[in-house]
Amino acid sequence: MHLLSSFPNPETAIEPLFSLQVQSLPPLLAMSSIQFGSPRPPFDPKLWLTAVWAVALVFLRQGAAASLAWPRNVTVPAAFAFGDSVMDPGNNNGLATVAKCNFPPYGRDLDPSVPLGRCSNGRVPSDMLAETLGVKKFLPAYLDPNLELQDLLTGVSFVSGANGYDPLPAKLALVLSLSDQLDLYSEYMETICLEVGVERASAIASKSVYILCNTYFATLLRRSKYDVSSYTDLLVSWASSFLRELYGLGARKIGVLSLPPVGCLPSQRTLHGGPKRDCFDSANKAAVLFNSKLCAEIDSLREDLPGARLVYMDIYYLLLAIIQDPARFGFEVSTKGCCGTGNIEVSYLCNRLDHPVTCDDDTKYVFWDSFHPTEATYQTLANQIYGKYARELF
């Protein structure tokens, strides 16, 4: 992720996400020590507000899917996911690649019946989308050999870790490119047509919700030919082509996640942040540039593709806010991951040998490993992002 060139400081574009701060909890904890039979303490408005916001924080972190703003009169038959390791539930498990997470401590907070492969301690955003839609709690990998027809009918994930809009990383990592993922989706649709008929298969395709997330930058591999501006143009053109092809295969309701503040990932702090492990500012500026172009392209596609409900979903500023002020969202550590030292571990570097230094309570951490957030962070993001953009998909 060595990104060159410079752009206007993205921090000048940051809008406050919340106007209210969660206050410290000592008064609330003190309130719990009141004994029955003691004189009733005087009403304290500040204490009452502290308690209310503390409870609100719990709901923000745990987030009931029913609280999100999905239209009540809409039934979604299935959910589908495309992208990279942020949402890969295990499609890479059987591939000849090192880019996989199907071993402990990955998935340590999941029920043992759930197949390993997610690059986190628990669920990932595609799972949360499927649950929010009322479809199912886990969105399985399409390449899972144990899938049954009902699993297919309610949606699957075609996501493959270590790929990007740029097809080169997937080729080098021996994983599924976005083009490969579309081929698998075409195969899926053929199977569904044979099983339930063309009419029902077409209805599943058009009424389902699709999510696309791609966070992989390969400028280090492309910098001999492209600067950041031209490379982001290239990435947007690839993203646009993918969305057009997916639309051509019947998809209509598609949410596209923005790039996160990639320069603030623990790995990028370690590799490019200097002795203080600061955020890698050039990477964040490049992400902001790409996001602005992607958003504009999605607006354009929405005009060109009849019936398409394409929605740009901005996760950059919310995740940046969580990283910059973790306590505000109920976290404690945002500069390193839970697994191992938290500075560089990912995939096979995050393993059982790291157990002595792996954190005990991952709910305190924004990141699980040096690249991927924890389930708690994903849930916080999902509650806000899906709730904000839900109605635009219908």
Foldseek 3Di string as FASTA:
>chain_A
DDADDDDPFCVVVFDDPDPDFQDDCPLVVVVVPDDPPDPDDDDDVVSVVNVVVVVVLVCLLVPDLVPFDFDPVAAAFAEEEEEALLAWQAPCVPFPFLAWFQAPPACVVPDPVRGHTRFAVHHGLSLSVLVSSVLHNHAAAPPPPPDDPSSLRHYHYLYYHQEALPRVRCVVRRIAYLVNSLVVVLVSLVVVCVVPNDVVSLVNQARHEYEYEYADDDCVVVVVPDHLLVVLVVSLVSVLVSVVVSVVVRHAQYEYEAHAQQQQQLQNLLVPVPPVSDRNRSSSRSSVSSLVVNQVSQVVVPVVRPRHLYHYFYPHSVLVVCLVCVVSSPAAERNAAQFAVRRNDGRPSRHPVSVVRGDPDRLNYQPHHRGYGHPSNSSSSSSVRCSVCNVSSD
